[in-house]
Amino acid sequence: MKKFTLLFVAIAFSAFAFAQTDFSGTWTINTAKSKLGEQSFAPSKVVIVQSGNEMSVETTSDMMGQTNTRTSKYTLDGKESSNEGFGGNPIKSTATWSADKKALTVITKIDMQGNAFEIKAVYKMDGANLVIENSMGDFGSETQVFDKK
């Protein structure tokens, strides 16, 4: 019985220790904590629904007096996901977990009229804040910090 109890505790601990972070929630940008570029494309709101091997990310951006909402869906197993980009162009993304399952890196490849570029977004938690570190090659990088609504 003692061996069974120890085995059960070990399995439960390993499942807890290696559980992936759940980014689910409605998040609003905290510009004071963020490090945004001069021409930032940071969304004002992000809604994440994460379940099992899938994550849906809805972003709301306010640009030039217009509000735009866009939803992207990813599988969380490193397999390629396809979403519709601007102008109906398909964009391909892969999402992979860090070894400790605390950070999720999403690499998105976009081809717009023969110009290909890559966006790397790293999702992680900093206390109660969602942090998304974006790098866009020649376009620079920024750290977007969001508060849970």
N, C-alpha and C. Protein backbone atom coordinates (compact mmCIF):
# COMPACT_ATOMS: atom_id res chain seq x y z
N MET A 1 0.82 -1.19 0.00
CA MET A 1 0.00 0.00 0.00
C MET A 1 0.87 1.26 0.00
N LYS A 2 1.99 1.20 0.75
CA LYS A 2 2.88 2.35 0.84
C LYS A 2 3.50 2.65 -0.54
N LYS A 3 3.87 1.58 -1.28
CA LYS A 3 4.44 1.78 -2.62
C LYS A 3 3.42 2.41 -3.56
N PHE A 4 2.17 1.96 -3.46
CA PHE A 4 1.11 2.52 -4.29
C PHE A 4 0.92 4.01 -4.00
N THR A 5 0.92 4.38 -2.73
CA THR A 5 0.76 5.78 -2.35
C THR A 5 1.91 6.62 -2.88
N LEU A 6 3.14 6.12 -2.74
CA LEU A 6 4.30 6.86 -3.25
C LEU A 6 4.24 7.00 -4.77
N LEU A 7 3.82 5.94 -5.46
CA LEU A 7 3.71 5.99 -6.91
C LEU A 7 2.65 7.01 -7.33
N PHE A 8 1.51 7.01 -6.66
CA PHE A 8 0.44 7.96 -6.95
C PHE A 8 0.91 9.39 -6.74
N VAL A 9 1.61 9.66 -5.64
CA VAL A 9 2.12 11.00 -5.35
C VAL A 9 3.13 11.41 -6.41
N ALA A 10 4.00 10.51 -6.83
CA ALA A 10 5.01 10.82 -7.85
C ALA A 10 4.35 11.16 -9.19
N ILE A 11 3.34 10.40 -9.57
CA ILE A 11 2.64 10.67 -10.83
C ILE A 11 1.90 12.00 -10.76
N ALA A 12 1.22 12.24 -9.66
CA ALA A 12 0.49 13.51 -9.50
C ALA A 12 1.45 14.69 -9.53
N PHE A 13 2.60 14.57 -8.86
CA PHE A 13 3.58 15.66 -8.84
C PHE A 13 4.15 15.90 -10.23
N SER A 14 4.48 14.83 -10.95
CA SER A 14 5.06 15.03 -12.30
C SER A 14 4.04 15.65 -13.23
N ALA A 15 2.78 15.31 -13.11
CA ALA A 15 1.75 15.92 -13.95
C ALA A 15 1.62 17.40 -13.62
N PHE A 16 1.70 17.76 -12.34
CA PHE A 16 1.63 19.16 -11.94
C PHE A 16 2.88 19.91 -12.38
N ALA A 17 4.04 19.32 -12.19
CA ALA A 17 5.29 20.00 -12.49
C ALA A 17 5.45 20.29 -13.98
N PHE A 18 4.89 19.44 -14.84
CA PHE A 18 5.05 19.62 -16.27
C PHE A 18 3.77 20.05 -16.98
N ALA A 19 2.80 20.53 -16.22
CA ALA A 19 1.57 21.00 -16.83
C ALA A 19 1.86 22.29 -17.60
N GLN A 20 1.24 22.41 -18.76
CA GLN A 20 1.46 23.60 -19.57
C GLN A 20 0.66 24.77 -19.00
N THR A 21 1.20 25.96 -19.21
CA THR A 21 0.53 27.17 -18.76
C THR A 21 -0.75 27.37 -19.56
N ASP A 22 -1.78 27.81 -18.88
CA ASP A 22 -3.06 28.11 -19.54
C ASP A 22 -3.19 29.63 -19.63
N PHE A 23 -3.18 30.16 -20.85
CA PHE A 23 -3.25 31.60 -21.09
C PHE A 23 -4.68 32.11 -21.26
N SER A 24 -5.66 31.25 -21.03
CA SER A 24 -7.07 31.62 -21.25
C SER A 24 -7.47 32.86 -20.46
N GLY A 25 -8.30 33.69 -21.10
CA GLY A 25 -8.83 34.86 -20.43
C GLY A 25 -9.02 36.01 -21.40
N THR A 26 -9.58 37.07 -20.86
CA THR A 26 -9.72 38.31 -21.60
C THR A 26 -8.69 39.27 -21.03
N TRP A 27 -7.84 39.80 -21.89
CA TRP A 27 -6.69 40.60 -21.48
C TRP A 27 -6.74 41.97 -22.15
N THR A 28 -6.36 43.01 -21.42
CA THR A 28 -6.29 44.35 -21.99
C THR A 28 -4.87 44.87 -21.87
N ILE A 29 -4.43 45.62 -22.87
CA ILE A 29 -3.05 46.10 -22.93
C ILE A 29 -2.77 47.05 -21.76
N ASN A 30 -1.61 46.89 -21.16
CA ASN A 30 -1.11 47.79 -20.12
C ASN A 30 0.07 48.53 -20.75
N THR A 31 -0.19 49.70 -21.31
CA THR A 31 0.85 50.43 -22.03
C THR A 31 1.97 50.89 -21.11
N ALA A 32 1.68 51.11 -19.83
CA ALA A 32 2.71 51.55 -18.89
C ALA A 32 3.76 50.47 -18.65
N LYS A 33 3.35 49.21 -18.65
CA LYS A 33 4.28 48.10 -18.43
C LYS A 33 4.88 47.57 -19.73
N SER A 34 4.26 47.88 -20.86
CA SER A 34 4.71 47.37 -22.16
C SER A 34 5.87 48.19 -22.69
N LYS A 35 6.65 47.57 -23.58
CA LYS A 35 7.71 48.26 -24.31
C LYS A 35 7.31 48.20 -25.78
N LEU A 36 6.62 49.25 -26.21
CA LEU A 36 6.05 49.26 -27.55
C LEU A 36 6.89 50.11 -28.49
N GLY A 37 6.88 49.72 -29.76
CA GLY A 37 7.58 50.48 -30.77
C GLY A 37 6.82 51.74 -31.13
N GLU A 38 7.49 52.61 -31.87
CA GLU A 38 6.88 53.87 -32.29
C GLU A 38 5.63 53.64 -33.12
N GLN A 39 5.66 52.67 -34.00
CA GLN A 39 4.53 52.31 -34.85
C GLN A 39 3.97 50.96 -34.39
N SER A 40 3.57 50.86 -33.15
CA SER A 40 3.14 49.60 -32.57
C SER A 40 1.83 49.10 -33.18
N PHE A 41 1.77 47.78 -33.35
CA PHE A 41 0.55 47.11 -33.80
C PHE A 41 -0.06 46.31 -32.65
N ALA A 42 0.30 46.67 -31.42
CA ALA A 42 -0.20 45.94 -30.25
C ALA A 42 -1.71 46.03 -30.17
N PRO A 43 -2.38 44.90 -29.95
CA PRO A 43 -3.84 44.94 -29.80
C PRO A 43 -4.23 45.58 -28.48
N SER A 44 -5.40 46.19 -28.44
CA SER A 44 -5.90 46.77 -27.20
C SER A 44 -6.49 45.68 -26.30
N LYS A 45 -6.96 44.59 -26.93
CA LYS A 45 -7.57 43.49 -26.18
C LYS A 45 -7.23 42.17 -26.84
N VAL A 46 -7.01 41.15 -26.01
CA VAL A 46 -6.75 39.79 -26.47
C VAL A 46 -7.65 38.85 -25.68
N VAL A 47 -8.35 37.98 -26.41
CA VAL A 47 -9.17 36.95 -25.76
C VAL A 47 -8.60 35.60 -26.17
N ILE A 48 -8.16 34.83 -25.19
CA ILE A 48 -7.55 33.52 -25.45
C ILE A 48 -8.43 32.44 -24.85
N VAL A 49 -8.72 31.44 -25.67
CA VAL A 49 -9.43 30.25 -25.21
C VAL A 49 -8.50 29.09 -25.51
N GLN A 50 -8.06 28.43 -24.46
CA GLN A 50 -7.13 27.32 -24.59
C GLN A 50 -7.76 26.07 -24.01
N SER A 51 -7.78 25.01 -24.80
CA SER A 51 -8.39 23.76 -24.36
C SER A 51 -7.65 22.60 -24.99
N GLY A 52 -7.12 21.73 -24.16
CA GLY A 52 -6.41 20.57 -24.67
C GLY A 52 -5.26 20.97 -25.57
N ASN A 53 -5.31 20.54 -26.82
CA ASN A 53 -4.22 20.78 -27.77
C ASN A 53 -4.50 21.97 -28.69
N GLU A 54 -5.45 22.82 -28.34
CA GLU A 54 -5.82 23.93 -29.21
C GLU A 54 -5.86 25.25 -28.44
N MET A 55 -5.56 26.33 -29.15
CA MET A 55 -5.65 27.66 -28.58
C MET A 55 -6.19 28.61 -29.65
N SER A 56 -7.19 29.38 -29.26
CA SER A 56 -7.78 30.39 -30.12
C SER A 56 -7.40 31.76 -29.55
N VAL A 57 -6.89 32.64 -30.41
CA VAL A 57 -6.48 33.98 -29.97
C VAL A 57 -7.24 35.01 -30.81
N GLU A 58 -8.09 35.77 -30.13
CA GLU A 58 -8.85 36.84 -30.78
C GLU A 58 -8.22 38.16 -30.35
N THR A 59 -7.76 38.95 -31.33
CA THR A 59 -7.16 40.24 -31.03
C THR A 59 -8.05 41.36 -31.54
N THR A 60 -8.15 42.41 -30.75
CA THR A 60 -8.89 43.60 -31.14
C THR A 60 -7.91 44.76 -31.17
N SER A 61 -7.81 45.42 -32.33
CA SER A 61 -6.89 46.53 -32.51
C SER A 61 -7.66 47.77 -32.94
N ASP A 62 -7.20 48.91 -32.47
CA ASP A 62 -7.79 50.18 -32.85
C ASP A 62 -6.73 50.95 -33.64
N MET A 63 -6.95 51.07 -34.96
CA MET A 63 -5.98 51.77 -35.80
C MET A 63 -6.71 52.70 -36.76
N MET A 64 -6.21 53.90 -36.85
CA MET A 64 -6.75 54.90 -37.77
C MET A 64 -8.26 55.06 -37.63
N GLY A 65 -8.72 55.08 -36.38
CA GLY A 65 -10.13 55.30 -36.12
C GLY A 65 -11.03 54.11 -36.36
N GLN A 66 -10.44 52.95 -36.66
CA GLN A 66 -11.23 51.75 -36.89
C GLN A 66 -10.84 50.66 -35.92
N THR A 67 -11.84 49.89 -35.52
CA THR A 67 -11.60 48.74 -34.65
C THR A 67 -11.64 47.49 -35.51
N ASN A 68 -10.57 46.69 -35.42
CA ASN A 68 -10.48 45.45 -36.19
C ASN A 68 -10.31 44.28 -35.22
N THR A 69 -11.06 43.21 -35.47
CA THR A 69 -10.95 42.00 -34.66
C THR A 69 -10.55 40.86 -35.58
N ARG A 70 -9.60 40.06 -35.10
CA ARG A 70 -9.06 38.95 -35.89
C ARG A 70 -8.89 37.74 -34.98
N THR A 71 -9.25 36.57 -35.47
CA THR A 71 -9.10 35.34 -34.68
C THR A 71 -8.15 34.38 -35.39
N SER A 72 -7.20 33.85 -34.62
CA SER A 72 -6.28 32.83 -35.12
C SER A 72 -6.39 31.61 -34.23
N LYS A 73 -6.32 30.43 -34.85
CA LYS A 73 -6.39 29.18 -34.10
C LYS A 73 -5.10 28.41 -34.33
N TYR A 74 -4.58 27.85 -33.24
CA TYR A 74 -3.32 27.11 -33.28
C TYR A 74 -3.48 25.74 -32.63
N THR A 75 -2.73 24.77 -33.13
CA THR A 75 -2.56 23.51 -32.40
C THR A 75 -1.31 23.69 -31.56
N LEU A 76 -1.27 23.07 -30.40
CA LEU A 76 -0.18 23.28 -29.46
C LEU A 76 0.84 22.15 -29.46
N ASP A 77 0.90 21.41 -30.57
CA ASP A 77 1.80 20.25 -30.64
C ASP A 77 2.93 20.43 -31.64
N GLY A 78 3.14 21.65 -32.13
CA GLY A 78 4.21 21.90 -33.08
C GLY A 78 3.83 21.66 -34.53
N LYS A 79 2.60 21.21 -34.77
CA LYS A 79 2.14 21.01 -36.14
C LYS A 79 1.68 22.35 -36.72
N GLU A 80 1.79 22.48 -38.02
CA GLU A 80 1.44 23.73 -38.70
C GLU A 80 -0.07 23.98 -38.66
N SER A 81 -0.43 25.23 -38.38
CA SER A 81 -1.81 25.69 -38.42
C SER A 81 -1.93 26.72 -39.53
N SER A 82 -3.08 26.77 -40.16
CA SER A 82 -3.32 27.74 -41.22
C SER A 82 -4.48 28.64 -40.83
N ASN A 83 -4.28 29.95 -40.98
CA ASN A 83 -5.31 30.94 -40.70
C ASN A 83 -5.37 31.92 -41.86
N GLU A 84 -6.46 32.65 -41.93
CA GLU A 84 -6.60 33.65 -42.98
C GLU A 84 -5.96 34.95 -42.53
N GLY A 85 -5.10 35.50 -43.37
CA GLY A 85 -4.44 36.76 -43.07
C GLY A 85 -5.12 37.91 -43.76
N PHE A 86 -4.44 39.04 -43.77
CA PHE A 86 -4.97 40.23 -44.43
C PHE A 86 -5.15 39.98 -45.92
N GLY A 87 -6.25 40.46 -46.44
CA GLY A 87 -6.54 40.28 -47.86
C GLY A 87 -6.86 38.85 -48.24
N GLY A 88 -7.17 38.01 -47.25
CA GLY A 88 -7.50 36.62 -47.53
C GLY A 88 -6.31 35.72 -47.75
N ASN A 89 -5.09 36.26 -47.63
CA ASN A 89 -3.89 35.44 -47.81
C ASN A 89 -3.74 34.44 -46.66
N PRO A 90 -3.42 33.18 -46.97
CA PRO A 90 -3.21 32.22 -45.89
C PRO A 90 -1.89 32.49 -45.17
N ILE A 91 -1.91 32.33 -43.86
CA ILE A 91 -0.69 32.43 -43.07
C ILE A 91 -0.51 31.12 -42.33
N LYS A 92 0.73 30.70 -42.22
CA LYS A 92 1.07 29.43 -41.59
C LYS A 92 1.80 29.68 -40.28
N SER A 93 1.39 28.96 -39.24
CA SER A 93 1.99 29.13 -37.92
C SER A 93 2.28 27.79 -37.28
N THR A 94 3.33 27.76 -36.45
CA THR A 94 3.60 26.60 -35.60
C THR A 94 3.75 27.10 -34.17
N ALA A 95 3.17 26.37 -33.23
CA ALA A 95 3.24 26.72 -31.82
C ALA A 95 3.95 25.58 -31.08
N THR A 96 4.99 25.93 -30.34
CA THR A 96 5.74 24.92 -29.59
C THR A 96 5.99 25.41 -28.16
N TRP A 97 5.93 24.48 -27.24
CA TRP A 97 6.14 24.77 -25.82
C TRP A 97 7.62 24.75 -25.48
N SER A 98 8.01 25.56 -24.51
CA SER A 98 9.35 25.47 -23.93
C SER A 98 9.42 24.16 -23.16
N ALA A 99 10.63 23.75 -22.80
CA ALA A 99 10.81 22.48 -22.09
C ALA A 99 10.02 22.43 -20.78
N ASP A 100 9.92 23.56 -20.09
CA ASP A 100 9.20 23.59 -18.81
C ASP A 100 7.70 23.88 -18.96
N LYS A 101 7.22 24.03 -20.20
CA LYS A 101 5.80 24.26 -20.52
C LYS A 101 5.26 25.59 -19.98
N LYS A 102 6.15 26.54 -19.70
CA LYS A 102 5.72 27.83 -19.18
C LYS A 102 5.64 28.90 -20.25
N ALA A 103 6.29 28.67 -21.39
CA ALA A 103 6.27 29.65 -22.49
C ALA A 103 5.87 28.94 -23.78
N LEU A 104 5.08 29.62 -24.58
CA LEU A 104 4.63 29.09 -25.87
C LEU A 104 5.16 30.02 -26.96
N THR A 105 5.89 29.45 -27.91
CA THR A 105 6.43 30.24 -29.02
C THR A 105 5.63 29.93 -30.27
N VAL A 106 5.10 30.99 -30.89
CA VAL A 106 4.33 30.85 -32.12
C VAL A 106 5.12 31.55 -33.23
N ILE A 107 5.52 30.77 -34.22
CA ILE A 107 6.23 31.30 -35.39
C ILE A 107 5.22 31.36 -36.53
N THR A 108 5.02 32.56 -37.07
CA THR A 108 4.07 32.76 -38.16
C THR A 108 4.82 33.22 -39.40
N LYS A 109 4.55 32.55 -40.51
CA LYS A 109 5.17 32.91 -41.78
C LYS A 109 4.10 33.49 -42.69
N ILE A 110 4.40 34.68 -43.21
CA ILE A 110 3.45 35.40 -44.03
C ILE A 110 4.09 35.73 -45.38
N ASP A 111 3.33 35.52 -46.44
CA ASP A 111 3.79 35.89 -47.78
C ASP A 111 2.77 36.86 -48.35
N MET A 112 3.16 38.12 -48.46
CA MET A 112 2.25 39.14 -48.99
C MET A 112 2.82 39.67 -50.30
N GLN A 113 2.17 39.30 -51.39
CA GLN A 113 2.55 39.75 -52.72
C GLN A 113 4.02 39.49 -53.02
N GLY A 114 4.46 38.28 -52.68
CA GLY A 114 5.84 37.89 -52.95
C GLY A 114 6.85 38.31 -51.90
N ASN A 115 6.43 39.04 -50.90
CA ASN A 115 7.33 39.44 -49.81
C ASN A 115 7.05 38.56 -48.61
N ALA A 116 8.01 37.72 -48.28
CA ALA A 116 7.84 36.79 -47.16
C ALA A 116 8.51 37.36 -45.91
N PHE A 117 7.83 37.22 -44.79
CA PHE A 117 8.45 37.58 -43.52
C PHE A 117 7.90 36.71 -42.42
N GLU A 118 8.58 36.77 -41.28
CA GLU A 118 8.27 35.88 -40.16
C GLU A 118 8.04 36.70 -38.90
N ILE A 119 7.04 36.30 -38.14
CA ILE A 119 6.75 36.92 -36.85
C ILE A 119 6.91 35.85 -35.78
N LYS A 120 7.65 36.18 -34.74
CA LYS A 120 7.82 35.27 -33.61
C LYS A 120 7.15 35.90 -32.40
N ALA A 121 6.21 35.18 -31.81
CA ALA A 121 5.52 35.65 -30.61
C ALA A 121 5.72 34.63 -29.50
N VAL A 122 6.23 35.09 -28.37
CA VAL A 122 6.43 34.22 -27.21
C VAL A 122 5.44 34.64 -26.13
N TYR A 123 4.55 33.72 -25.78
CA TYR A 123 3.53 33.94 -24.76
C TYR A 123 4.05 33.39 -23.44
N LYS A 124 3.94 34.19 -22.38
CA LYS A 124 4.31 33.71 -21.05
C LYS A 124 3.60 34.54 -20.00
N MET A 125 3.63 34.08 -18.78
CA MET A 125 3.01 34.80 -17.68
C MET A 125 4.10 35.44 -16.82
N ASP A 126 3.81 36.65 -16.34
CA ASP A 126 4.67 37.34 -15.38
C ASP A 126 3.76 37.73 -14.22
N GLY A 127 3.70 36.86 -13.23
CA GLY A 127 2.74 37.07 -12.16
C GLY A 127 1.34 36.93 -12.72
N ALA A 128 0.52 37.97 -12.56
CA ALA A 128 -0.86 37.94 -13.05
C ALA A 128 -0.97 38.50 -14.47
N ASN A 129 0.14 38.92 -15.06
CA ASN A 129 0.12 39.53 -16.39
C ASN A 129 0.49 38.55 -17.48
N LEU A 130 -0.21 38.67 -18.62
CA LEU A 130 0.17 37.97 -19.83
C LEU A 130 1.21 38.83 -20.55
N VAL A 131 2.31 38.22 -20.94
CA VAL A 131 3.36 38.93 -21.67
C VAL A 131 3.53 38.25 -23.03
N ILE A 132 3.48 39.06 -24.08
CA ILE A 132 3.74 38.55 -25.43
C ILE A 132 4.93 39.33 -25.98
N GLU A 133 6.01 38.60 -26.22
CA GLU A 133 7.21 39.21 -26.80
C GLU A 133 7.17 38.94 -28.30
N ASN A 134 7.03 40.01 -29.07
CA ASN A 134 6.94 39.89 -30.53
C ASN A 134 8.23 40.37 -31.17
N SER A 135 8.71 39.61 -32.14
CA SER A 135 9.82 40.08 -32.97
C SER A 135 9.42 39.86 -34.42
N MET A 136 9.67 40.90 -35.22
CA MET A 136 9.23 40.89 -36.61
C MET A 136 10.38 41.24 -37.55
N GLY A 137 11.51 40.59 -37.37
CA GLY A 137 12.65 40.81 -38.25
C GLY A 137 13.05 42.26 -38.33
N ASP A 138 13.11 42.80 -39.54
CA ASP A 138 13.52 44.19 -39.75
C ASP A 138 12.56 45.20 -39.17
N PHE A 139 11.35 44.77 -38.84
CA PHE A 139 10.35 45.68 -38.30
C PHE A 139 10.53 45.91 -36.80
N GLY A 140 11.45 45.17 -36.17
CA GLY A 140 11.75 45.36 -34.75
C GLY A 140 11.01 44.40 -33.84
N SER A 141 11.07 44.71 -32.57
CA SER A 141 10.43 43.86 -31.57
C SER A 141 9.80 44.73 -30.50
N GLU A 142 8.89 44.14 -29.76
CA GLU A 142 8.27 44.82 -28.64
C GLU A 142 7.76 43.81 -27.64
N THR A 143 7.58 44.28 -26.42
CA THR A 143 7.04 43.45 -25.36
C THR A 143 5.68 44.03 -24.97
N GLN A 144 4.66 43.23 -25.17
CA GLN A 144 3.28 43.65 -24.87
C GLN A 144 2.87 42.99 -23.56
N VAL A 145 2.43 43.81 -22.60
CA VAL A 145 2.00 43.31 -21.30
C VAL A 145 0.50 43.57 -21.17
N PHE A 146 -0.23 42.54 -20.75
CA PHE A 146 -1.68 42.61 -20.65
C PHE A 146 -2.15 42.29 -19.24
N ASP A 147 -3.17 43.01 -18.81
CA ASP A 147 -3.84 42.76 -17.52
C ASP A 147 -5.09 41.94 -17.78
N LYS A 148 -5.39 41.02 -16.87
CA LYS A 148 -6.60 40.20 -17.00
C LYS A 148 -7.80 41.05 -16.63
N LYS A 149 -8.81 40.98 -17.45
CA LYS A 149 -10.02 41.76 -17.26
C LYS A 149 -10.98 41.03 -16.34
